[in-house]
Amino acid sequence: MPFDFFGAKKKPVIAMAHIGALPGSPLYDAAGGVEKLIADVLKDVEKLQDGGVDAIMFGNENDRPYVFAAPHEGIAAMSAVVQAVKPALKVPFGVNYLWDPKASVAIGAVTGAKFVREIFTGVFASDMGIWEPDCANASRMRRNLGRGDMKLLFNINAEFAHSLDQRPIELRAKSAVFSSLADAILVSGPLTGEPAVQSDLRKVKDTLKNVPVFANTGVNIDNVTDVLSVADGVVIGTHFKVDGNTWNPVDGARVKRFMDKVSGLR
């Protein structure tokens, strides 16, 4: 098992619960307010849990265009939404504030998250400009907030970006574990909803013998057999949405079909 909080479940499926655009972002629905954000994500959480997912990760994918330093109003709102939804949760949960590792750790720590996902290491040329995450201070924040138990999932090849580090992906992954204490490594495709290159996933998995490796994007019912033949688990968002569209609500039937297939692979 990748982590104790998954219990006896093999090859866990972490499902994304995409919160609507938060206060301060261009697509925020001021008329609906935080109450609407809570109501909408609760509907998705119910469908994901009814479908049998192993964990849920709250993310702010709707906060386009993304920022590297989360605004205070965004951190406050996302914390409030997660805290409001917690009583409905039956599975472990994590958080990810795009693209700020310190904000992600802060939100995760105060809401009781079991894990946090972010880009913690590397330097990237991205849609948002030059990207230089601050792993050291995010890790220190986890310790200072007394949440050494909260796992840090390192997305090693960022969506919407190209790594300026020319080392092979498996070496970057190994280095992130050695130098930055990654609890797990996630391998992504070039964009949200697009799969990771299978050979990249294999290289990272073959290199890391004692650290979980997850496929982070583009996993679907057609490729999950191949993906789970390599990966220790998956993060999945887009495929669970109506018509497979990232910005649509969760489709409970799609979740159930996918999890039924995964059950046969475990």
C-alpha atoms as a PDB file:
ATOM      1  CA  MET A   1       0.000   0.000   0.000  1.00  0.00           C
ATOM      2  CA  PRO A   2       1.372   3.473  -0.835  1.00  0.00           C
ATOM      3  CA  PHE A   3       0.253   4.974   2.500  1.00  0.00           C
ATOM      4  CA  ASP A   4      -1.299   3.693   5.732  1.00  0.00           C
ATOM      5  CA  PHE A   5      -4.473   5.756   5.314  1.00  0.00           C
ATOM      6  CA  PHE A   6      -5.452   3.661   2.290  1.00  0.00           C
ATOM      7  CA  GLY A   7      -5.696   0.614   4.517  1.00  0.00           C
ATOM      8  CA  ALA A   8      -5.638  -2.632   2.537  1.00  0.00           C
ATOM      9  CA  LYS A   9      -6.566  -0.994  -0.768  1.00  0.00           C
ATOM     10  CA  LYS A  10      -4.124  -1.660  -3.593  1.00  0.00           C
ATOM     11  CA  LYS A  11      -3.533   0.722  -6.499  1.00  0.00           C
ATOM     12  CA  PRO A  12      -5.609   3.532  -4.939  1.00  0.00           C
ATOM     13  CA  VAL A  13      -7.670   5.945  -7.007  1.00  0.00           C
ATOM     14  CA  ILE A  14      -7.549   9.569  -5.857  1.00  0.00           C
ATOM     15  CA  ALA A  15     -10.443  11.494  -7.393  1.00  0.00           C
ATOM     16  CA  MET A  16     -10.404  15.244  -7.960  1.00  0.00           C
ATOM     17  CA  ALA A  17     -13.123  17.426  -6.465  1.00  0.00           C
ATOM     18  CA  HIS A  18     -12.732  20.632  -8.431  1.00  0.00           C
ATOM     19  CA  ILE A  19     -13.936  23.604  -6.414  1.00  0.00           C
ATOM     20  CA  GLY A  20     -15.487  26.423  -8.440  1.00  0.00           C
ATOM     21  CA  ALA A  21     -13.495  29.584  -9.027  1.00  0.00           C
ATOM     22  CA  LEU A  22     -12.490  31.117  -5.709  1.00  0.00           C
ATOM     23  CA  PRO A  23     -12.878  34.770  -4.627  1.00  0.00           C
ATOM     24  CA  GLY A  24     -10.351  36.967  -6.351  1.00  0.00           C
ATOM     25  CA  SER A  25     -10.134  34.869  -9.534  1.00  0.00           C
ATOM     26  CA  PRO A  26     -11.682  36.049 -12.838  1.00  0.00           C
ATOM     27  CA  LEU A  27     -14.359  33.327 -13.023  1.00  0.00           C
ATOM     28  CA  TYR A  28     -15.593  33.689  -9.437  1.00  0.00           C
ATOM     29  CA  ASP A  29     -19.392  33.731  -9.099  1.00  0.00           C
ATOM     30  CA  ALA A  30     -19.823  36.564  -6.630  1.00  0.00           C
ATOM     31  CA  ALA A  31     -23.607  36.212  -6.643  1.00  0.00           C
ATOM     32  CA  GLY A  32     -23.410  32.576  -5.571  1.00  0.00           C
ATOM     33  CA  GLY A  33     -20.569  33.209  -3.167  1.00  0.00           C
ATOM     34  CA  VAL A  34     -18.803  30.642  -1.027  1.00  0.00           C
ATOM     35  CA  GLU A  35     -22.130  28.960  -0.253  1.00  0.00           C
ATOM     36  CA  LYS A  36     -22.500  27.951  -3.916  1.00  0.00           C
ATOM     37  CA  LEU A  37     -18.916  26.675  -3.997  1.00  0.00           C
ATOM     38  CA  ILE A  38     -19.711  24.410  -1.056  1.00  0.00           C
ATOM     39  CA  ALA A  39     -23.017  23.195  -2.498  1.00  0.00           C
ATOM     40  CA  ASP A  40     -21.527  22.382  -5.897  1.00  0.00           C
ATOM     41  CA  VAL A  41     -18.505  20.485  -4.613  1.00  0.00           C
ATOM     42  CA  LEU A  42     -20.697  18.546  -2.173  1.00  0.00           C
ATOM     43  CA  LYS A  43     -22.652  17.184  -5.140  1.00  0.00           C
ATOM     44  CA  ASP A  44     -19.429  16.019  -6.802  1.00  0.00           C
ATOM     45  CA  VAL A  45     -18.118  14.490  -3.577  1.00  0.00           C
ATOM     46  CA  GLU A  46     -21.320  12.491  -3.128  1.00  0.00           C
ATOM     47  CA  LYS A  47     -21.072  11.037  -6.651  1.00  0.00           C
ATOM     48  CA  LEU A  48     -17.376  10.240  -6.270  1.00  0.00           C
ATOM     49  CA  GLN A  49     -17.893   8.428  -2.977  1.00  0.00           C
ATOM     50  CA  ASP A  50     -20.965   6.570  -4.240  1.00  0.00           C
ATOM     51  CA  GLY A  51     -18.838   5.409  -7.161  1.00  0.00           C
ATOM     52  CA  GLY A  52     -16.262   3.896  -4.817  1.00  0.00           C
ATOM     53  CA  VAL A  53     -13.146   6.091  -5.105  1.00  0.00           C
ATOM     54  CA  ASP A  54     -10.426   5.586  -2.491  1.00  0.00           C
ATOM     55  CA  ALA A  55      -9.645   9.227  -1.705  1.00  0.00           C
ATOM     56  CA  ILE A  56     -10.626  12.732  -2.750  1.00  0.00           C
ATOM     57  CA  MET A  57      -8.374  15.670  -3.519  1.00  0.00           C
ATOM     58  CA  PHE A  58      -9.783  19.198  -3.471  1.00  0.00           C
ATOM     59  CA  GLY A  59      -8.312  21.494  -6.113  1.00  0.00           C
ATOM     60  CA  ASN A  60      -8.859  24.990  -7.477  1.00  0.00           C
ATOM     61  CA  GLU A  61      -8.576  24.100 -11.174  1.00  0.00           C
ATOM     62  CA  ASN A  62     -11.193  26.744 -11.967  1.00  0.00           C
ATOM     63  CA  ASP A  63      -8.945  29.614 -10.837  1.00  0.00           C
ATOM     64  CA  ARG A  64      -7.655  30.312 -14.330  1.00  0.00           C
ATOM     65  CA  PRO A  65      -5.291  31.977 -15.100  1.00  0.00           C
ATOM     66  CA  TYR A  66      -3.253  30.336 -12.377  1.00  0.00           C
ATOM     67  CA  VAL A  67      -0.886  32.092  -9.983  1.00  0.00           C
ATOM     68  CA  PHE A  68       2.318  31.092  -8.214  1.00  0.00           C
ATOM     69  CA  ALA A  69       1.466  32.925  -4.984  1.00  0.00           C
ATOM     70  CA  ALA A  70      -2.047  32.296  -3.672  1.00  0.00           C
ATOM     71  CA  PRO A  71      -4.003  35.417  -2.654  1.00  0.00           C
ATOM     72  CA  HIS A  72      -5.223  35.589   0.925  1.00  0.00           C
ATOM     73  CA  GLU A  73      -8.871  35.520  -0.123  1.00  0.00           C
ATOM     74  CA  GLY A  74      -8.275  32.351  -2.141  1.00  0.00           C
ATOM     75  CA  ILE A  75      -6.586  30.561   0.761  1.00  0.00           C
ATOM     76  CA  ALA A  76      -9.353  31.625   3.136  1.00  0.00           C
ATOM     77  CA  ALA A  77     -12.156  30.534   0.790  1.00  0.00           C
ATOM     78  CA  MET A  78     -10.619  27.180  -0.103  1.00  0.00           C
ATOM     79  CA  SER A  79     -10.015  26.422   3.573  1.00  0.00           C
ATOM     80  CA  ALA A  80     -13.627  27.312   4.349  1.00  0.00           C
ATOM     81  CA  VAL A  81     -14.971  25.116   1.542  1.00  0.00           C
ATOM     82  CA  VAL A  82     -12.904  22.076   2.529  1.00  0.00           C
ATOM     83  CA  GLN A  83     -13.795  22.485   6.190  1.00  0.00           C
ATOM     84  CA  ALA A  84     -17.506  22.730   5.330  1.00  0.00           C
ATOM     85  CA  VAL A  85     -17.390  19.574   3.188  1.00  0.00           C
ATOM     86  CA  LYS A  86     -15.422  17.457   5.699  1.00  0.00           C
ATOM     87  CA  PRO A  87     -18.478  16.096   7.573  1.00  0.00           C
ATOM     88  CA  ALA A  88     -19.657  14.468   4.327  1.00  0.00           C
ATOM     89  CA  LEU A  89     -16.360  12.687   3.670  1.00  0.00           C
ATOM     90  CA  LYS A  90     -16.074   8.934   4.111  1.00  0.00           C
ATOM     91  CA  VAL A  91     -12.614   8.593   2.537  1.00  0.00           C
ATOM     92  CA  PRO A  92      -9.218  10.251   3.138  1.00  0.00           C
ATOM     93  CA  PHE A  93      -8.740  13.636   1.489  1.00  0.00           C
ATOM     94  CA  GLY A  94      -5.993  15.876   0.229  1.00  0.00           C
ATOM     95  CA  VAL A  95      -5.684  19.391  -1.185  1.00  0.00           C
ATOM     96  CA  ASN A  96      -3.869  21.220  -3.959  1.00  0.00           C
ATOM     97  CA  TYR A  97      -3.843  24.992  -4.467  1.00  0.00           C
ATOM     98  CA  LEU A  98      -2.522  25.619  -7.985  1.00  0.00           C
ATOM     99  CA  TRP A  99       0.350  26.470  -8.156  1.00  0.00           C
ATOM    100  CA  ASP A 100       1.473  27.373  -4.681  1.00  0.00           C
ATOM    101  CA  PRO A 101       3.080  24.651  -2.528  1.00  0.00           C
ATOM    102  CA  LYS A 102       3.093  26.775   0.621  1.00  0.00           C
ATOM    103  CA  ALA A 103      -0.597  27.613   0.300  1.00  0.00           C
ATOM    104  CA  SER A 104      -1.359  23.952  -0.366  1.00  0.00           C
ATOM    105  CA  VAL A 105       0.511  22.869   2.770  1.00  0.00           C
ATOM    106  CA  ALA A 106      -1.152  25.591   4.861  1.00  0.00           C
ATOM    107  CA  ILE A 107      -4.670  24.634   3.724  1.00  0.00           C
ATOM    108  CA  GLY A 108      -3.944  20.937   4.113  1.00  0.00           C
ATOM    109  CA  ALA A 109      -2.502  21.364   7.581  1.00  0.00           C
ATOM    110  CA  VAL A 110      -5.389  23.355   9.044  1.00  0.00           C
ATOM    111  CA  THR A 111      -8.151  21.251   7.452  1.00  0.00           C
ATOM    112  CA  GLY A 112      -6.675  17.893   8.474  1.00  0.00           C
ATOM    113  CA  ALA A 113      -5.752  16.668   4.997  1.00  0.00           C
ATOM    114  CA  LYS A 114      -3.866  13.394   4.719  1.00  0.00           C
ATOM    115  CA  PHE A 115      -1.849  14.570   1.706  1.00  0.00           C
ATOM    116  CA  VAL A 116      -0.959  17.559  -0.449  1.00  0.00           C
ATOM    117  CA  ARG A 117      -0.101  17.602  -4.142  1.00  0.00           C
ATOM    118  CA  GLU A 118       1.923  20.303  -5.861  1.00  0.00           C
ATOM    119  CA  ILE A 119       4.930  21.162  -7.985  1.00  0.00           C
ATOM    120  CA  PHE A 120       7.547  21.346  -5.250  1.00  0.00           C
ATOM    121  CA  THR A 121      10.848  21.172  -7.175  1.00  0.00           C
ATOM    122  CA  GLY A 122      12.405  22.234 -10.455  1.00  0.00           C
ATOM    123  CA  VAL A 123      12.353  25.276 -12.729  1.00  0.00           C
ATOM    124  CA  PHE A 124       9.852  25.552 -15.582  1.00  0.00           C
ATOM    125  CA  ALA A 125       8.950  27.763 -18.501  1.00  0.00           C
ATOM    126  CA  SER A 126       5.169  27.913 -18.276  1.00  0.00           C
ATOM    127  CA  ASP A 127       2.027  29.663 -19.446  1.00  0.00           C
ATOM    128  CA  MET A 128       2.287  31.660 -16.224  1.00  0.00           C
ATOM    129  CA  GLY A 129       5.946  32.650 -16.700  1.00  0.00           C
ATOM    130  CA  ILE A 130       9.111  31.287 -15.126  1.00  0.00           C
ATOM    131  CA  TRP A 131       8.127  28.861 -12.417  1.00  0.00           C
ATOM    132  CA  GLU A 132      10.368  28.364  -9.371  1.00  0.00           C
ATOM    133  CA  PRO A 133       8.531  26.552  -6.549  1.00  0.00           C
ATOM    134  CA  ASP A 134       9.683  26.874  -2.940  1.00  0.00           C
ATOM    135  CA  CYS A 135       9.948  23.321  -1.639  1.00  0.00           C
ATOM    136  CA  ALA A 136      12.175  24.140   1.321  1.00  0.00           C
ATOM    137  CA  ASN A 137       9.788  26.568   2.960  1.00  0.00           C
ATOM    138  CA  ALA A 138       6.740  24.431   2.185  1.00  0.00           C
ATOM    139  CA  SER A 139       8.383  21.484   3.930  1.00  0.00           C
ATOM    140  CA  ARG A 140       9.376  23.626   6.885  1.00  0.00           C
ATOM    141  CA  MET A 141       5.815  24.922   7.127  1.00  0.00           C
ATOM    142  CA  ARG A 142       4.532  21.339   7.351  1.00  0.00           C
ATOM    143  CA  ARG A 143       6.866  20.726  10.278  1.00  0.00           C
ATOM    144  CA  ASN A 144       6.122  24.065  11.976  1.00  0.00           C
ATOM    145  CA  LEU A 145       2.379  23.356  11.783  1.00  0.00           C
ATOM    146  CA  GLY A 146       2.877  19.968  13.408  1.00  0.00           C
ATOM    147  CA  ARG A 147       1.768  17.975  10.367  1.00  0.00           C
ATOM    148  CA  GLY A 148       4.732  15.744   9.670  1.00  0.00           C
ATOM    149  CA  ASP A 149       2.194  12.974   9.036  1.00  0.00           C
ATOM    150  CA  MET A 150       0.714  14.793   6.031  1.00  0.00           C
ATOM    151  CA  LYS A 151       2.225  13.320   2.869  1.00  0.00           C
ATOM    152  CA  LEU A 152       3.686  15.549   0.153  1.00  0.00           C
ATOM    153  CA  LEU A 153       2.995  14.306  -3.373  1.00  0.00           C
ATOM    154  CA  PHE A 154       5.497  15.818  -5.800  1.00  0.00           C
ATOM    155  CA  ASN A 155       4.206  16.408  -9.338  1.00  0.00           C
ATOM    156  CA  ILE A 156       7.515  16.024 -11.136  1.00  0.00           C
ATOM    157  CA  ASN A 157       6.609  17.292 -14.617  1.00  0.00           C
ATOM    158  CA  ALA A 158       4.203  20.188 -14.544  1.00  0.00           C
ATOM    159  CA  GLU A 159       1.197  20.643 -16.795  1.00  0.00           C
ATOM    160  CA  PHE A 160       1.146  23.834 -18.885  1.00  0.00           C
ATOM    161  CA  ALA A 161       4.920  23.988 -18.645  1.00  0.00           C
ATOM    162  CA  HIS A 162       8.263  22.652 -19.838  1.00  0.00           C
ATOM    163  CA  SER A 163      11.067  21.782 -17.453  1.00  0.00           C
ATOM    164  CA  LEU A 164      14.214  23.828 -17.906  1.00  0.00           C
ATOM    165  CA  ASP A 165      16.097  21.050 -16.116  1.00  0.00           C
ATOM    166  CA  GLN A 166      17.410  18.798 -18.875  1.00  0.00           C
ATOM    167  CA  ARG A 167      18.115  15.803 -16.663  1.00  0.00           C
ATOM    168  CA  PRO A 168      16.074  12.713 -17.544  1.00  0.00           C
ATOM    169  CA  ILE A 169      12.741  12.566 -15.758  1.00  0.00           C
ATOM    170  CA  GLU A 170      13.748   9.535 -13.705  1.00  0.00           C
ATOM    171  CA  LEU A 171      16.840  11.364 -12.408  1.00  0.00           C
ATOM    172  CA  ARG A 172      14.796  14.421 -11.486  1.00  0.00           C
ATOM    173  CA  ALA A 173      12.397  12.145  -9.614  1.00  0.00           C
ATOM    174  CA  LYS A 174      15.206  10.368  -7.774  1.00  0.00           C
ATOM    175  CA  SER A 175      16.813  13.687  -6.915  1.00  0.00           C
ATOM    176  CA  ALA A 176      13.511  15.074  -5.567  1.00  0.00           C
ATOM    177  CA  VAL A 177      13.265  12.134  -3.197  1.00  0.00           C
ATOM    178  CA  PHE A 178      16.909  12.423  -2.111  1.00  0.00           C
ATOM    179  CA  SER A 179      17.215  16.198  -1.754  1.00  0.00           C
ATOM    180  CA  SER A 180      13.644  17.277  -1.023  1.00  0.00           C
ATOM    181  CA  LEU A 181      12.101  14.329   0.854  1.00  0.00           C
ATOM    182  CA  ALA A 182       9.219  13.614  -1.524  1.00  0.00           C
ATOM    183  CA  ASP A 183       6.711  11.153  -0.063  1.00  0.00           C
ATOM    184  CA  ALA A 184       5.465  10.201  -3.527  1.00  0.00           C
ATOM    185  CA  ILE A 185       6.196  11.117  -7.132  1.00  0.00           C
ATOM    186  CA  LEU A 186       3.464  11.959  -9.635  1.00  0.00           C
ATOM    187  CA  VAL A 187       4.006  11.788 -13.387  1.00  0.00           C
ATOM    188  CA  SER A 188       1.841  14.035 -15.560  1.00  0.00           C
ATOM    189  CA  GLY A 189       0.968  14.710 -19.159  1.00  0.00           C
ATOM    190  CA  PRO A 190       1.442  18.110 -20.838  1.00  0.00           C
ATOM    191  CA  LEU A 191      -2.046  19.390 -19.952  1.00  0.00           C
ATOM    192  CA  THR A 192      -4.856  18.613 -17.548  1.00  0.00           C
ATOM    193  CA  GLY A 193      -6.715  15.587 -18.874  1.00  0.00           C
ATOM    194  CA  GLU A 194      -3.883  14.392 -21.111  1.00  0.00           C
ATOM    195  CA  PRO A 195      -2.056  11.190 -20.120  1.00  0.00           C
ATOM    196  CA  ALA A 196       1.518  10.886 -18.999  1.00  0.00           C
ATOM    197  CA  VAL A 197       3.901   9.229 -21.432  1.00  0.00           C
ATOM    198  CA  GLN A 198       3.885   5.554 -20.445  1.00  0.00           C
ATOM    199  CA  SER A 199       7.634   5.250 -20.936  1.00  0.00           C
ATOM    200  CA  ASP A 200       8.189   8.173 -18.518  1.00  0.00           C
ATOM    201  CA  LEU A 201       5.999   6.471 -15.956  1.00  0.00           C
ATOM    202  CA  ARG A 202       7.968   3.251 -16.383  1.00  0.00           C
ATOM    203  CA  LYS A 203      11.345   4.986 -16.073  1.00  0.00           C
ATOM    204  CA  VAL A 204      10.356   6.704 -12.847  1.00  0.00           C
ATOM    205  CA  LYS A 205       8.852   3.554 -11.360  1.00  0.00           C
ATOM    206  CA  ASP A 206      11.876   1.446 -12.270  1.00  0.00           C
ATOM    207  CA  THR A 207      14.152   4.021 -10.621  1.00  0.00           C
ATOM    208  CA  LEU A 208      12.208   4.524  -7.396  1.00  0.00           C
ATOM    209  CA  LYS A 209      11.992   1.237  -5.516  1.00  0.00           C
ATOM    210  CA  ASN A 210      10.720   2.491  -2.153  1.00  0.00           C
ATOM    211  CA  VAL A 211       8.613   5.552  -3.020  1.00  0.00           C
ATOM    212  CA  PRO A 212       5.086   5.393  -4.496  1.00  0.00           C
ATOM    213  CA  VAL A 213       4.678   6.554  -8.099  1.00  0.00           C
ATOM    214  CA  PHE A 214       1.269   7.776  -9.297  1.00  0.00           C
ATOM    215  CA  ALA A 215      -0.044   8.650 -12.748  1.00  0.00           C
ATOM    216  CA  ASN A 216      -1.345  12.176 -12.300  1.00  0.00           C
ATOM    217  CA  THR A 217      -3.275  13.126 -15.451  1.00  0.00           C
ATOM    218  CA  GLY A 218      -5.203  11.654 -18.357  1.00  0.00           C
ATOM    219  CA  VAL A 219      -6.104   8.317 -16.782  1.00  0.00           C
ATOM    220  CA  ASN A 220      -9.312   6.866 -18.236  1.00  0.00           C
ATOM    221  CA  ILE A 221     -11.182   3.597 -18.549  1.00  0.00           C
ATOM    222  CA  ASP A 222      -9.373   2.746 -21.795  1.00  0.00           C
ATOM    223  CA  ASN A 223      -5.797   3.172 -20.533  1.00  0.00           C
ATOM    224  CA  VAL A 224      -6.106   2.343 -16.825  1.00  0.00           C
ATOM    225  CA  THR A 225      -5.069  -1.292 -17.324  1.00  0.00           C
ATOM    226  CA  ASP A 226      -1.752  -0.225 -18.850  1.00  0.00           C
ATOM    227  CA  VAL A 227      -1.270   2.587 -16.338  1.00  0.00           C
ATOM    228  CA  LEU A 228      -1.841   0.398 -13.281  1.00  0.00           C
ATOM    229  CA  SER A 229       0.474  -2.263 -14.656  1.00  0.00           C
ATOM    230  CA  VAL A 230       3.201   0.265 -13.779  1.00  0.00           C
ATOM    231  CA  ALA A 231       1.891   2.895 -11.354  1.00  0.00           C
ATOM    232  CA  ASP A 232       1.139   2.422  -7.652  1.00  0.00           C
ATOM    233  CA  GLY A 233      -2.041   4.468  -8.033  1.00  0.00           C
ATOM    234  CA  VAL A 234      -3.709   7.220 -10.023  1.00  0.00           C
ATOM    235  CA  VAL A 235      -5.111  10.718  -9.667  1.00  0.00           C
ATOM    236  CA  ILE A 236      -8.147  11.231 -11.876  1.00  0.00           C
ATOM    237  CA  GLY A 237     -10.364  14.223 -12.558  1.00  0.00           C
ATOM    238  CA  THR A 238     -11.351  14.837 -16.169  1.00  0.00           C
ATOM    239  CA  HIS A 239     -12.505  11.306 -17.003  1.00  0.00           C
ATOM    240  CA  PHE A 240     -15.028  11.411 -14.151  1.00  0.00           C
ATOM    241  CA  LYS A 241     -16.749  14.511 -15.530  1.00  0.00           C
ATOM    242  CA  VAL A 242     -19.840  14.673 -17.747  1.00  0.00           C
ATOM    243  CA  ASP A 243     -18.697  14.005 -21.339  1.00  0.00           C
ATOM    244  CA  GLY A 244     -15.103  13.802 -20.080  1.00  0.00           C
ATOM    245  CA  ASN A 245     -14.922  17.612 -19.948  1.00  0.00           C
ATOM    246  CA  THR A 246     -12.748  18.962 -17.117  1.00  0.00           C
ATOM    247  CA  TRP A 247     -15.091  21.866 -16.379  1.00  0.00           C
ATOM    248  CA  ASN A 248     -18.308  19.825 -16.120  1.00  0.00           C
ATOM    249  CA  PRO A 249     -19.798  18.293 -12.958  1.00  0.00           C
ATOM    250  CA  VAL A 250     -18.939  14.727 -11.960  1.00  0.00           C
ATOM    251  CA  ASP A 251     -20.817  11.964 -13.781  1.00  0.00           C
ATOM    252  CA  GLY A 252     -21.595   9.270 -11.206  1.00  0.00           C
ATOM    253  CA  ALA A 253     -22.088   6.567 -13.839  1.00  0.00           C
ATOM    254  CA  ARG A 254     -18.638   7.186 -15.297  1.00  0.00           C
ATOM    255  CA  VAL A 255     -17.105   6.932 -11.823  1.00  0.00           C
ATOM    256  CA  LYS A 256     -18.872   3.624 -11.147  1.00  0.00           C
ATOM    257  CA  ARG A 257     -17.822   2.073 -14.478  1.00  0.00           C
ATOM    258  CA  PHE A 258     -14.206   3.104 -13.926  1.00  0.00           C
ATOM    259  CA  MET A 259     -14.057   1.827 -10.357  1.00  0.00           C
ATOM    260  CA  ASP A 260     -15.674  -1.454 -11.372  1.00  0.00           C
ATOM    261  CA  LYS A 261     -12.867  -1.933 -13.886  1.00  0.00           C
ATOM    262  CA  VAL A 262     -10.196  -1.009 -11.329  1.00  0.00           C
ATOM    263  CA  SER A 263     -11.665  -3.511  -8.890  1.00  0.00           C
ATOM    264  CA  GLY A 264     -11.017  -6.212 -11.438  1.00  0.00           C
ATOM    265  CA  LEU A 265      -7.396  -5.114 -11.801  1.00  0.00           C
ATOM    266  CA  ARG A 266      -6.503  -5.079  -8.121  1.00  0.00           C
END
